[in-house]
Amino acid sequence: MPEWALYALASVVGYLAGSIPFGLVITKAAGLGDIREIGSHSIGATNVLRTGRKDLALATLVLDSLKAGLVALGFSLVAGPEAGMVAGASAFLGHCYPVWLGFKGGKGVATYAGLLVFVTPLKGLLVGAPIWLGVFALTRISSLSALCAAVAVPPGAYLLGERNPVVLAGLTALSVLVFWTHRANIDRLMKGTEPRFGTPKAKPEE
């Protein structure tokens, strides 16, 4: 198969896998209605957590991670890390902009993490995960944790030895996109109105 065709296939398969709205499907199956009608109106795990169902939020987190990670793993095994990066990045785009939901999906943090697990785990993930956990422990703000981790992943992966230009370019592009999908959160962070987990009277995201 020509290289361009392989990358095209990785893009299509990745996008379709990423566009499966697990958060919406899981909450509807649990009888909680449309998750897009509460909180941030997102289909991601953070918004599912606002239903009060930690089990459903965890299931959403795992499935959203796996839908990017597994396609990245599959294409990496068959055609190398470049194709895996393309597939995983396409899954990220599918999650954020699913065609089935009018291109309005989640913010991509779980899919980004899932991609890291299977594309560059000992480099990107080992940088991003501790930073996310550390910032969240200090601030209890999920969005700030995600943004800090996104900033650190590309240079951190490089410093730990990642030299594949396609992987590094993909990580950089996805980190930029994380900032784009969190632009409303950034606005609230600058205003000091971003809600913290564990604060009962925190203002819901809009």
N, C-alpha and C. Protein backbone atom coordinates (compact mmCIF):
# COMPACT_ATOMS: atom_id res chain seq x y z
N MET A 1 0.84 -1.19 0.00
CA MET A 1 0.00 0.00 0.00
C MET A 1 0.88 1.25 0.00
N PRO A 2 0.61 2.21 -0.87
CA PRO A 2 1.40 3.45 -0.88
C PRO A 2 1.32 4.16 0.46
N GLU A 3 2.37 4.89 0.80
CA GLU A 3 2.43 5.56 2.09
C GLU A 3 1.27 6.53 2.29
N TRP A 4 0.92 7.27 1.24
CA TRP A 4 -0.17 8.23 1.36
C TRP A 4 -1.49 7.53 1.66
N ALA A 5 -1.68 6.35 1.04
CA ALA A 5 -2.92 5.61 1.26
C ALA A 5 -2.96 5.06 2.68
N LEU A 6 -1.82 4.64 3.19
CA LEU A 6 -1.74 4.13 4.56
C LEU A 6 -2.09 5.23 5.56
N TYR A 7 -1.54 6.41 5.34
CA TYR A 7 -1.84 7.52 6.24
C TYR A 7 -3.30 7.96 6.13
N ALA A 8 -3.83 7.89 4.90
CA ALA A 8 -5.25 8.23 4.72
C ALA A 8 -6.13 7.24 5.47
N LEU A 9 -5.77 5.95 5.39
CA LEU A 9 -6.54 4.93 6.10
C LEU A 9 -6.44 5.14 7.61
N ALA A 10 -5.24 5.44 8.08
CA ALA A 10 -5.05 5.70 9.51
C ALA A 10 -5.89 6.89 9.97
N SER A 11 -5.97 7.90 9.12
CA SER A 11 -6.75 9.10 9.46
C SER A 11 -8.24 8.78 9.56
N VAL A 12 -8.75 8.03 8.60
CA VAL A 12 -10.18 7.71 8.57
C VAL A 12 -10.55 6.79 9.73
N VAL A 13 -9.78 5.72 9.91
CA VAL A 13 -10.07 4.77 11.00
C VAL A 13 -9.94 5.47 12.36
N GLY A 14 -8.90 6.28 12.52
CA GLY A 14 -8.71 7.00 13.77
C GLY A 14 -9.85 7.96 14.05
N TYR A 15 -10.25 8.71 13.05
CA TYR A 15 -11.33 9.68 13.24
C TYR A 15 -12.64 8.99 13.63
N LEU A 16 -12.97 7.91 12.92
CA LEU A 16 -14.22 7.21 13.21
C LEU A 16 -14.21 6.59 14.60
N ALA A 17 -13.06 6.05 15.00
CA ALA A 17 -12.96 5.50 16.35
C ALA A 17 -13.08 6.61 17.40
N GLY A 18 -12.39 7.71 17.16
CA GLY A 18 -12.42 8.82 18.10
C GLY A 18 -13.78 9.47 18.24
N SER A 19 -14.57 9.39 17.19
CA SER A 19 -15.86 10.08 17.20
C SER A 19 -16.96 9.30 17.92
N ILE A 20 -16.64 8.10 18.43
CA ILE A 20 -17.63 7.37 19.22
C ILE A 20 -17.83 8.11 20.54
N PRO A 21 -19.03 8.62 20.80
CA PRO A 21 -19.25 9.45 22.01
C PRO A 21 -19.57 8.62 23.24
N PHE A 22 -18.56 7.99 23.79
CA PHE A 22 -18.79 7.08 24.91
C PHE A 22 -19.47 7.76 26.09
N GLY A 23 -19.08 8.98 26.41
CA GLY A 23 -19.69 9.67 27.53
C GLY A 23 -21.20 9.83 27.35
N LEU A 24 -21.61 10.18 26.16
CA LEU A 24 -23.03 10.35 25.86
C LEU A 24 -23.76 9.01 25.90
N VAL A 25 -23.16 8.00 25.29
CA VAL A 25 -23.78 6.67 25.24
C VAL A 25 -23.94 6.09 26.65
N ILE A 26 -22.88 6.20 27.45
CA ILE A 26 -22.89 5.62 28.80
C ILE A 26 -23.92 6.30 29.69
N THR A 27 -23.97 7.62 29.67
CA THR A 27 -24.91 8.33 30.54
C THR A 27 -26.36 8.12 30.11
N LYS A 28 -26.58 8.05 28.81
CA LYS A 28 -27.95 7.77 28.35
C LYS A 28 -28.38 6.36 28.73
N ALA A 29 -27.44 5.40 28.60
CA ALA A 29 -27.76 4.03 28.96
C ALA A 29 -28.06 3.90 30.45
N ALA A 30 -27.44 4.78 31.25
CA ALA A 30 -27.66 4.75 32.70
C ALA A 30 -28.91 5.52 33.11
N GLY A 31 -29.61 6.08 32.14
CA GLY A 31 -30.84 6.80 32.43
C GLY A 31 -30.64 8.21 32.93
N LEU A 32 -29.48 8.80 32.62
CA LEU A 32 -29.16 10.14 33.12
C LEU A 32 -29.43 11.23 32.08
N GLY A 33 -29.97 10.86 30.96
CA GLY A 33 -30.29 11.85 29.95
C GLY A 33 -29.10 12.24 29.10
N ASP A 34 -29.17 13.43 28.53
CA ASP A 34 -28.15 13.92 27.61
C ASP A 34 -27.09 14.70 28.39
N ILE A 35 -25.88 14.17 28.44
CA ILE A 35 -24.79 14.81 29.19
C ILE A 35 -24.47 16.19 28.65
N ARG A 36 -24.83 16.45 27.41
CA ARG A 36 -24.55 17.75 26.79
C ARG A 36 -25.43 18.86 27.32
N GLU A 37 -26.39 18.52 28.17
CA GLU A 37 -27.30 19.53 28.71
C GLU A 37 -26.88 20.02 30.09
N ILE A 38 -25.74 19.53 30.62
CA ILE A 38 -25.30 19.98 31.93
C ILE A 38 -23.85 20.44 31.86
N GLY A 39 -23.42 21.15 32.91
CA GLY A 39 -22.02 21.53 33.06
C GLY A 39 -21.43 22.21 31.85
N SER A 40 -20.34 21.62 31.34
CA SER A 40 -19.63 22.21 30.20
C SER A 40 -20.26 21.83 28.87
N HIS A 41 -21.30 20.99 28.91
CA HIS A 41 -21.98 20.49 27.70
C HIS A 41 -21.08 19.56 26.89
N SER A 42 -20.00 19.12 27.49
CA SER A 42 -19.04 18.25 26.83
C SER A 42 -19.45 16.79 27.01
N ILE A 43 -18.90 15.90 26.17
CA ILE A 43 -19.17 14.47 26.29
C ILE A 43 -18.04 13.74 27.01
N GLY A 44 -17.09 14.49 27.57
CA GLY A 44 -15.92 13.89 28.20
C GLY A 44 -16.15 13.46 29.63
N ALA A 45 -15.14 12.78 30.19
CA ALA A 45 -15.24 12.20 31.53
C ALA A 45 -15.44 13.25 32.62
N THR A 46 -14.79 14.41 32.48
CA THR A 46 -14.93 15.46 33.50
C THR A 46 -16.38 15.90 33.62
N ASN A 47 -17.07 16.03 32.50
CA ASN A 47 -18.46 16.44 32.55
C ASN A 47 -19.35 15.30 33.04
N VAL A 48 -19.03 14.07 32.69
CA VAL A 48 -19.78 12.92 33.19
C VAL A 48 -19.69 12.87 34.71
N LEU A 49 -18.54 13.26 35.27
CA LEU A 49 -18.37 13.26 36.72
C LEU A 49 -19.36 14.21 37.40
N ARG A 50 -19.80 15.21 36.69
CA ARG A 50 -20.75 16.17 37.26
C ARG A 50 -22.14 15.56 37.49
N THR A 51 -22.37 14.36 36.96
CA THR A 51 -23.63 13.67 37.25
C THR A 51 -23.61 13.04 38.64
N GLY A 52 -22.41 12.99 39.24
CA GLY A 52 -22.27 12.35 40.54
C GLY A 52 -21.94 10.88 40.46
N ARG A 53 -21.82 10.36 39.25
CA ARG A 53 -21.53 8.94 39.05
C ARG A 53 -20.05 8.76 38.71
N LYS A 54 -19.25 8.48 39.73
CA LYS A 54 -17.82 8.30 39.51
C LYS A 54 -17.52 7.08 38.66
N ASP A 55 -18.36 6.05 38.78
CA ASP A 55 -18.14 4.85 37.99
C ASP A 55 -18.32 5.12 36.50
N LEU A 56 -19.31 5.92 36.16
CA LEU A 56 -19.55 6.25 34.76
C LEU A 56 -18.45 7.17 34.22
N ALA A 57 -17.99 8.07 35.07
CA ALA A 57 -16.90 8.96 34.65
C ALA A 57 -15.62 8.16 34.40
N LEU A 58 -15.34 7.18 35.26
CA LEU A 58 -14.16 6.35 35.08
C LEU A 58 -14.28 5.52 33.81
N ALA A 59 -15.46 4.97 33.57
CA ALA A 59 -15.66 4.18 32.35
C ALA A 59 -15.47 5.05 31.11
N THR A 60 -15.96 6.27 31.16
CA THR A 60 -15.80 7.19 30.03
C THR A 60 -14.33 7.53 29.82
N LEU A 61 -13.62 7.77 30.91
CA LEU A 61 -12.19 8.09 30.83
C LEU A 61 -11.42 6.95 30.17
N VAL A 62 -11.68 5.74 30.61
CA VAL A 62 -10.97 4.57 30.08
C VAL A 62 -11.29 4.37 28.61
N LEU A 63 -12.56 4.41 28.26
CA LEU A 63 -12.96 4.16 26.88
C LEU A 63 -12.48 5.27 25.94
N ASP A 64 -12.54 6.52 26.39
CA ASP A 64 -12.05 7.62 25.56
C ASP A 64 -10.54 7.53 25.35
N SER A 65 -9.84 7.01 26.35
CA SER A 65 -8.40 6.81 26.21
C SER A 65 -8.10 5.67 25.24
N LEU A 66 -8.83 4.58 25.40
CA LEU A 66 -8.57 3.39 24.58
C LEU A 66 -8.91 3.61 23.11
N LYS A 67 -9.92 4.42 22.83
CA LYS A 67 -10.29 4.57 21.42
C LYS A 67 -9.19 5.27 20.62
N ALA A 68 -8.39 6.09 21.29
CA ALA A 68 -7.22 6.67 20.63
C ALA A 68 -6.03 5.73 20.73
N GLY A 69 -5.84 5.16 21.92
CA GLY A 69 -4.68 4.32 22.15
C GLY A 69 -4.65 3.07 21.30
N LEU A 70 -5.78 2.42 21.15
CA LEU A 70 -5.80 1.16 20.41
C LEU A 70 -5.59 1.34 18.92
N VAL A 71 -6.17 2.40 18.35
CA VAL A 71 -5.91 2.62 16.92
C VAL A 71 -4.47 3.03 16.70
N ALA A 72 -3.92 3.80 17.64
CA ALA A 72 -2.51 4.17 17.54
C ALA A 72 -1.62 2.94 17.64
N LEU A 73 -1.93 2.05 18.57
CA LEU A 73 -1.17 0.82 18.74
C LEU A 73 -1.26 -0.05 17.49
N GLY A 74 -2.49 -0.21 16.98
CA GLY A 74 -2.68 -1.07 15.83
C GLY A 74 -1.88 -0.61 14.62
N PHE A 75 -1.96 0.66 14.30
CA PHE A 75 -1.23 1.17 13.14
C PHE A 75 0.27 1.23 13.40
N SER A 76 0.67 1.43 14.65
CA SER A 76 2.10 1.41 14.97
C SER A 76 2.68 0.03 14.73
N LEU A 77 1.95 -1.00 15.14
CA LEU A 77 2.43 -2.37 14.96
C LEU A 77 2.50 -2.77 13.50
N VAL A 78 1.52 -2.31 12.73
CA VAL A 78 1.44 -2.69 11.32
C VAL A 78 2.36 -1.85 10.44
N ALA A 79 2.44 -0.56 10.72
CA ALA A 79 3.12 0.34 9.79
C ALA A 79 4.11 1.30 10.42
N GLY A 80 4.33 1.21 11.73
CA GLY A 80 5.31 2.08 12.36
C GLY A 80 4.70 3.21 13.16
N PRO A 81 5.52 3.88 13.99
CA PRO A 81 5.02 4.92 14.89
C PRO A 81 4.42 6.13 14.17
N GLU A 82 4.89 6.39 12.94
CA GLU A 82 4.33 7.54 12.21
C GLU A 82 2.85 7.33 11.92
N ALA A 83 2.52 6.14 11.40
CA ALA A 83 1.11 5.83 11.12
C ALA A 83 0.31 5.78 12.41
N GLY A 84 0.93 5.28 13.49
CA GLY A 84 0.25 5.25 14.78
C GLY A 84 -0.06 6.64 15.28
N MET A 85 0.89 7.56 15.08
CA MET A 85 0.67 8.95 15.50
C MET A 85 -0.47 9.57 14.71
N VAL A 86 -0.51 9.32 13.42
CA VAL A 86 -1.57 9.86 12.57
C VAL A 86 -2.93 9.32 13.02
N ALA A 87 -2.99 8.02 13.28
CA ALA A 87 -4.26 7.41 13.71
C ALA A 87 -4.71 7.97 15.05
N GLY A 88 -3.78 8.07 16.00
CA GLY A 88 -4.13 8.59 17.32
C GLY A 88 -4.54 10.05 17.29
N ALA A 89 -3.83 10.84 16.50
CA ALA A 89 -4.18 12.26 16.38
C ALA A 89 -5.55 12.43 15.72
N SER A 90 -5.85 11.56 14.76
CA SER A 90 -7.16 11.62 14.11
C SER A 90 -8.27 11.24 15.08
N ALA A 91 -7.96 10.29 15.99
CA ALA A 91 -8.94 9.94 17.02
C ALA A 91 -9.20 11.13 17.94
N PHE A 92 -8.16 11.88 18.25
CA PHE A 92 -8.32 13.11 19.04
C PHE A 92 -9.28 14.07 18.35
N LEU A 93 -9.08 14.27 17.05
CA LEU A 93 -9.97 15.16 16.30
C LEU A 93 -11.39 14.62 16.26
N GLY A 94 -11.51 13.29 16.12
CA GLY A 94 -12.85 12.70 16.11
C GLY A 94 -13.57 12.89 17.43
N HIS A 95 -12.83 12.80 18.53
CA HIS A 95 -13.44 13.00 19.85
C HIS A 95 -13.90 14.45 20.02
N CYS A 96 -13.05 15.37 19.61
CA CYS A 96 -13.38 16.79 19.78
C CYS A 96 -14.44 17.27 18.79
N TYR A 97 -14.43 16.69 17.60
CA TYR A 97 -15.34 17.15 16.54
C TYR A 97 -16.01 15.96 15.86
N PRO A 98 -16.87 15.22 16.59
CA PRO A 98 -17.53 14.05 16.01
C PRO A 98 -18.62 14.44 15.01
N VAL A 99 -18.56 13.83 13.86
CA VAL A 99 -19.52 14.16 12.81
C VAL A 99 -20.94 13.85 13.25
N TRP A 100 -21.11 12.82 14.09
CA TRP A 100 -22.45 12.40 14.51
C TRP A 100 -23.12 13.41 15.42
N LEU A 101 -22.35 14.28 16.05
CA LEU A 101 -22.89 15.23 17.03
C LEU A 101 -22.72 16.67 16.57
N GLY A 102 -22.73 16.87 15.27
CA GLY A 102 -22.59 18.23 14.76
C GLY A 102 -21.23 18.82 15.02
N PHE A 103 -20.21 17.98 15.11
CA PHE A 103 -18.82 18.40 15.35
C PHE A 103 -18.63 19.09 16.70
N LYS A 104 -19.49 18.71 17.68
CA LYS A 104 -19.36 19.25 19.04
C LYS A 104 -19.16 18.09 19.99
N GLY A 105 -17.92 17.89 20.44
CA GLY A 105 -17.61 16.75 21.28
C GLY A 105 -16.94 17.13 22.58
N GLY A 106 -15.86 16.41 22.91
CA GLY A 106 -15.14 16.66 24.15
C GLY A 106 -13.92 17.53 23.93
N LYS A 107 -13.07 17.59 24.96
CA LYS A 107 -11.91 18.48 24.89
C LYS A 107 -10.60 17.74 24.62
N GLY A 108 -10.66 16.42 24.58
CA GLY A 108 -9.54 15.65 24.05
C GLY A 108 -8.46 15.23 25.02
N VAL A 109 -8.57 15.53 26.31
CA VAL A 109 -7.48 15.21 27.23
C VAL A 109 -7.31 13.70 27.38
N ALA A 110 -8.40 12.98 27.56
CA ALA A 110 -8.30 11.52 27.73
C ALA A 110 -7.78 10.85 26.46
N THR A 111 -8.23 11.32 25.31
CA THR A 111 -7.75 10.71 24.06
C THR A 111 -6.27 11.01 23.85
N TYR A 112 -5.84 12.18 24.24
CA TYR A 112 -4.41 12.53 24.15
C TYR A 112 -3.60 11.60 25.05
N ALA A 113 -4.09 11.38 26.27
CA ALA A 113 -3.39 10.49 27.21
C ALA A 113 -3.34 9.07 26.66
N GLY A 114 -4.45 8.62 26.09
CA GLY A 114 -4.47 7.28 25.52
C GLY A 114 -3.49 7.12 24.38
N LEU A 115 -3.36 8.16 23.59
CA LEU A 115 -2.38 8.16 22.50
C LEU A 115 -0.96 8.03 23.06
N LEU A 116 -0.66 8.78 24.10
CA LEU A 116 0.68 8.75 24.68
C LEU A 116 1.03 7.36 25.21
N VAL A 117 0.05 6.68 25.80
CA VAL A 117 0.29 5.36 26.38
C VAL A 117 0.86 4.40 25.34
N PHE A 118 0.36 4.51 24.10
CA PHE A 118 0.73 3.53 23.10
C PHE A 118 1.73 4.02 22.05
N VAL A 119 1.98 5.32 22.00
CA VAL A 119 2.92 5.84 21.00
C VAL A 119 4.27 6.18 21.61
N THR A 120 4.27 6.86 22.75
CA THR A 120 5.55 7.24 23.37
C THR A 120 5.42 7.22 24.89
N PRO A 121 5.08 6.06 25.48
CA PRO A 121 4.76 5.98 26.91
C PRO A 121 5.90 6.35 27.84
N LEU A 122 7.11 5.97 27.51
CA LEU A 122 8.22 6.22 28.41
C LEU A 122 8.79 7.62 28.25
N LYS A 123 8.19 8.39 27.37
CA LYS A 123 8.67 9.76 27.14
C LYS A 123 7.55 10.76 27.41
N GLY A 124 6.55 10.79 26.53
CA GLY A 124 5.46 11.74 26.71
C GLY A 124 4.63 11.50 27.94
N LEU A 125 4.22 10.23 28.16
CA LEU A 125 3.34 9.94 29.28
C LEU A 125 4.02 10.16 30.62
N LEU A 126 5.29 9.80 30.71
CA LEU A 126 6.00 9.96 31.98
C LEU A 126 6.27 11.41 32.32
N VAL A 127 6.08 12.28 31.36
CA VAL A 127 6.17 13.71 31.63
C VAL A 127 4.78 14.25 31.97
N GLY A 128 3.81 13.93 31.12
CA GLY A 128 2.47 14.50 31.28
C GLY A 128 1.73 14.07 32.52
N ALA A 129 1.78 12.77 32.85
CA ALA A 129 0.99 12.26 33.97
C ALA A 129 1.41 12.87 35.31
N PRO A 130 2.71 12.90 35.66
CA PRO A 130 3.09 13.50 36.95
C PRO A 130 2.73 14.98 37.04
N ILE A 131 2.87 15.69 35.93
CA ILE A 131 2.55 17.12 35.96
C ILE A 131 1.05 17.32 36.16
N TRP A 132 0.24 16.53 35.45
CA TRP A 132 -1.22 16.63 35.63
C TRP A 132 -1.58 16.35 37.09
N LEU A 133 -1.05 15.27 37.63
CA LEU A 133 -1.39 14.89 39.01
C LEU A 133 -0.90 15.93 40.01
N GLY A 134 0.32 16.45 39.79
CA GLY A 134 0.87 17.43 40.70
C GLY A 134 0.09 18.73 40.72
N VAL A 135 -0.23 19.24 39.53
CA VAL A 135 -0.99 20.49 39.44
C VAL A 135 -2.39 20.31 40.01
N PHE A 136 -3.00 19.16 39.72
CA PHE A 136 -4.35 18.93 40.23
C PHE A 136 -4.35 18.81 41.75
N ALA A 137 -3.33 18.16 42.31
CA ALA A 137 -3.24 18.04 43.76
C ALA A 137 -3.12 19.40 44.43
N LEU A 138 -2.43 20.33 43.77
CA LEU A 138 -2.22 21.65 44.33
C LEU A 138 -3.41 22.58 44.13
N THR A 139 -4.08 22.45 42.98
CA THR A 139 -5.11 23.44 42.62
C THR A 139 -6.53 22.90 42.59
N ARG A 140 -6.68 21.60 42.40
CA ARG A 140 -8.00 20.97 42.22
C ARG A 140 -8.72 21.50 41.00
N ILE A 141 -7.96 21.96 40.01
CA ILE A 141 -8.56 22.47 38.78
C ILE A 141 -8.14 21.58 37.62
N SER A 142 -9.07 20.84 37.07
CA SER A 142 -8.77 19.87 36.02
C SER A 142 -8.22 20.52 34.76
N SER A 143 -8.82 21.62 34.36
CA SER A 143 -8.40 22.27 33.11
C SER A 143 -6.98 22.79 33.21
N LEU A 144 -6.61 23.39 34.33
CA LEU A 144 -5.25 23.90 34.51
C LEU A 144 -4.25 22.75 34.49
N SER A 145 -4.62 21.65 35.09
CA SER A 145 -3.75 20.47 35.10
C SER A 145 -3.50 19.98 33.68
N ALA A 146 -4.57 19.93 32.88
CA ALA A 146 -4.45 19.47 31.51
C ALA A 146 -3.59 20.41 30.67
N LEU A 147 -3.76 21.70 30.87
CA LEU A 147 -3.00 22.68 30.10
C LEU A 147 -1.51 22.61 30.45
N CYS A 148 -1.21 22.48 31.73
CA CYS A 148 0.20 22.39 32.13
C CYS A 148 0.84 21.12 31.57
N ALA A 149 0.11 20.02 31.61
CA ALA A 149 0.64 18.77 31.07
C ALA A 149 0.84 18.88 29.56
N ALA A 150 -0.09 19.52 28.87
CA ALA A 150 0.02 19.67 27.42
C ALA A 150 1.25 20.48 27.04
N VAL A 151 1.55 21.52 27.81
CA VAL A 151 2.74 22.33 27.55
C VAL A 151 4.01 21.49 27.70
N ALA A 152 4.01 20.63 28.70
CA ALA A 152 5.23 19.90 29.05
C ALA A 152 5.51 18.69 28.16
N VAL A 153 4.48 18.09 27.58
CA VAL A 153 4.66 16.82 26.88
C VAL A 153 5.64 16.89 25.71
N PRO A 154 5.46 17.79 24.73
CA PRO A 154 6.39 17.76 23.58
C PRO A 154 7.86 17.98 23.96
N PRO A 155 8.19 19.04 24.72
CA PRO A 155 9.61 19.20 25.08
C PRO A 155 10.10 18.10 26.01
N GLY A 156 9.20 17.63 26.88
CA GLY A 156 9.59 16.56 27.78
C GLY A 156 9.91 15.28 27.04
N ALA A 157 9.09 14.96 26.04
CA ALA A 157 9.35 13.76 25.24
C ALA A 157 10.69 13.89 24.51
N TYR A 158 10.96 15.08 24.01
CA TYR A 158 12.24 15.29 23.30
C TYR A 158 13.42 15.13 24.25
N LEU A 159 13.33 15.72 25.42
CA LEU A 159 14.43 15.65 26.38
C LEU A 159 14.68 14.23 26.87
N LEU A 160 13.61 13.40 26.84
CA LEU A 160 13.76 12.01 27.27
C LEU A 160 14.15 11.08 26.13
N GLY A 161 14.40 11.66 24.94
CA GLY A 161 14.94 10.85 23.86
C GLY A 161 14.07 10.62 22.66
N GLU A 162 12.85 11.15 22.63
CA GLU A 162 12.01 10.99 21.44
C GLU A 162 12.58 11.83 20.31
N ARG A 163 12.90 11.19 19.19
CA ARG A 163 13.49 11.91 18.06
C ARG A 163 12.71 11.74 16.77
N ASN A 164 11.62 10.98 16.80
CA ASN A 164 10.83 10.81 15.58
C ASN A 164 10.14 12.13 15.25
N PRO A 165 10.43 12.73 14.09
CA PRO A 165 9.88 14.06 13.79
C PRO A 165 8.36 14.05 13.65
N VAL A 166 7.79 12.95 13.15
CA VAL A 166 6.33 12.88 13.00
C VAL A 166 5.67 12.82 14.37
N VAL A 167 6.23 12.04 15.26
CA VAL A 167 5.69 11.94 16.62
C VAL A 167 5.80 13.28 17.34
N LEU A 168 6.95 13.92 17.26
CA LEU A 168 7.13 15.20 17.93
C LEU A 168 6.21 16.27 17.36
N ALA A 169 6.07 16.29 16.03
CA ALA A 169 5.17 17.26 15.41
C ALA A 169 3.73 17.00 15.81
N GLY A 170 3.37 15.72 15.88
CA GLY A 170 2.01 15.38 16.30
C GLY A 170 1.73 15.79 17.72
N LEU A 171 2.67 15.53 18.62
CA LEU A 171 2.50 15.92 20.02
C LEU A 171 2.36 17.43 20.16
N THR A 172 3.17 18.15 19.40
CA THR A 172 3.11 19.61 19.47
C THR A 172 1.77 20.13 18.97
N ALA A 173 1.30 19.57 17.85
CA ALA A 173 0.01 20.00 17.29
C ALA A 173 -1.13 19.69 18.25
N LEU A 174 -1.11 18.51 18.87
CA LEU A 174 -2.18 18.15 19.79
C LEU A 174 -2.16 19.01 21.04
N SER A 175 -0.97 19.36 21.51
CA SER A 175 -0.89 20.25 22.68
C SER A 175 -1.49 21.62 22.37
N VAL A 176 -1.22 22.11 21.16
CA VAL A 176 -1.82 23.39 20.74
C VAL A 176 -3.34 23.25 20.69
N LEU A 177 -3.82 22.12 20.17
CA LEU A 177 -5.27 21.91 20.06
C LEU A 177 -5.92 21.79 21.43
N VAL A 178 -5.20 21.25 22.41
CA VAL A 178 -5.73 21.18 23.77
C VAL A 178 -6.01 22.60 24.29
N PHE A 179 -5.11 23.53 23.98
CA PHE A 179 -5.35 24.92 24.37
C PHE A 179 -6.57 25.49 23.64
N TRP A 180 -6.74 25.11 22.40
CA TRP A 180 -7.89 25.60 21.63
C TRP A 180 -9.20 25.07 22.21
N THR A 181 -9.25 23.77 22.53
CA THR A 181 -10.48 23.20 23.07
C THR A 181 -10.77 23.69 24.49
N HIS A 182 -9.75 24.21 25.15
CA HIS A 182 -9.93 24.73 26.52
C HIS A 182 -9.96 26.26 26.56
N ARG A 183 -10.24 26.90 25.44
CA ARG A 183 -10.18 28.37 25.42
C ARG A 183 -11.18 29.01 26.38
N ALA A 184 -12.36 28.42 26.57
CA ALA A 184 -13.31 28.97 27.54
C ALA A 184 -12.77 28.80 28.95
N ASN A 185 -12.13 27.66 29.21
CA ASN A 185 -11.52 27.44 30.52
C ASN A 185 -10.41 28.44 30.79
N ILE A 186 -9.62 28.72 29.75
CA ILE A 186 -8.52 29.68 29.90
C ILE A 186 -9.07 31.06 30.26
N ASP A 187 -10.17 31.42 29.64
CA ASP A 187 -10.79 32.71 29.94
C ASP A 187 -11.22 32.77 31.41
N ARG A 188 -11.81 31.66 31.90
CA ARG A 188 -12.23 31.63 33.30
C ARG A 188 -11.04 31.59 34.25
N LEU A 189 -9.98 30.89 33.84
CA LEU A 189 -8.77 30.87 34.67
C LEU A 189 -8.20 32.28 34.84
N MET A 190 -8.20 33.04 33.76
CA MET A 190 -7.68 34.40 33.81
C MET A 190 -8.57 35.31 34.67
N LYS A 191 -9.86 34.99 34.72
CA LYS A 191 -10.79 35.78 35.52
C LYS A 191 -10.88 35.28 36.96
N GLY A 192 -10.29 34.10 37.22
CA GLY A 192 -10.36 33.53 38.55
C GLY A 192 -11.69 32.88 38.87
N THR A 193 -12.44 32.49 37.83
CA THR A 193 -13.76 31.91 38.05
C THR A 193 -13.85 30.43 37.67
N GLU A 194 -12.72 29.83 37.30
CA GLU A 194 -12.74 28.42 36.93
C GLU A 194 -13.03 27.58 38.17
N PRO A 195 -14.02 26.66 38.09
CA PRO A 195 -14.38 25.87 39.28
C PRO A 195 -13.31 24.87 39.68
N ARG A 196 -13.28 24.59 40.98
CA ARG A 196 -12.37 23.58 41.52
C ARG A 196 -13.17 22.37 41.96
N PHE A 197 -12.63 21.20 41.75
CA PHE A 197 -13.28 19.99 42.24
C PHE A 197 -13.24 19.98 43.76
N GLY A 198 -14.37 19.53 44.34
CA GLY A 198 -14.44 19.48 45.79
C GLY A 198 -14.98 20.74 46.41
N THR A 199 -15.31 21.75 45.56
CA THR A 199 -15.90 22.99 46.06
C THR A 199 -17.39 22.98 45.73
N PRO A 200 -18.27 22.74 46.70
CA PRO A 200 -19.69 22.55 46.45
C PRO A 200 -20.35 23.68 45.67
N LYS A 201 -19.91 24.91 45.93
CA LYS A 201 -20.59 26.05 45.31
C LYS A 201 -19.88 26.54 44.07
N ALA A 202 -19.00 25.74 43.53
CA ALA A 202 -18.29 26.15 42.30
C ALA A 202 -19.27 26.36 41.19
N LYS A 203 -19.05 27.38 40.43
CA LYS A 203 -19.91 27.69 39.31
C LYS A 203 -19.69 26.70 38.19
N PRO A 204 -20.76 26.07 37.64
CA PRO A 204 -20.58 25.10 36.57
C PRO A 204 -19.98 25.75 35.35
N GLU A 205 -19.28 24.94 34.55
CA GLU A 205 -18.75 25.42 33.29
C GLU A 205 -19.88 25.71 32.32
N GLU A 206 -19.63 26.61 31.44
CA GLU A 206 -20.62 26.93 30.42
C GLU A 206 -20.05 26.57 29.06
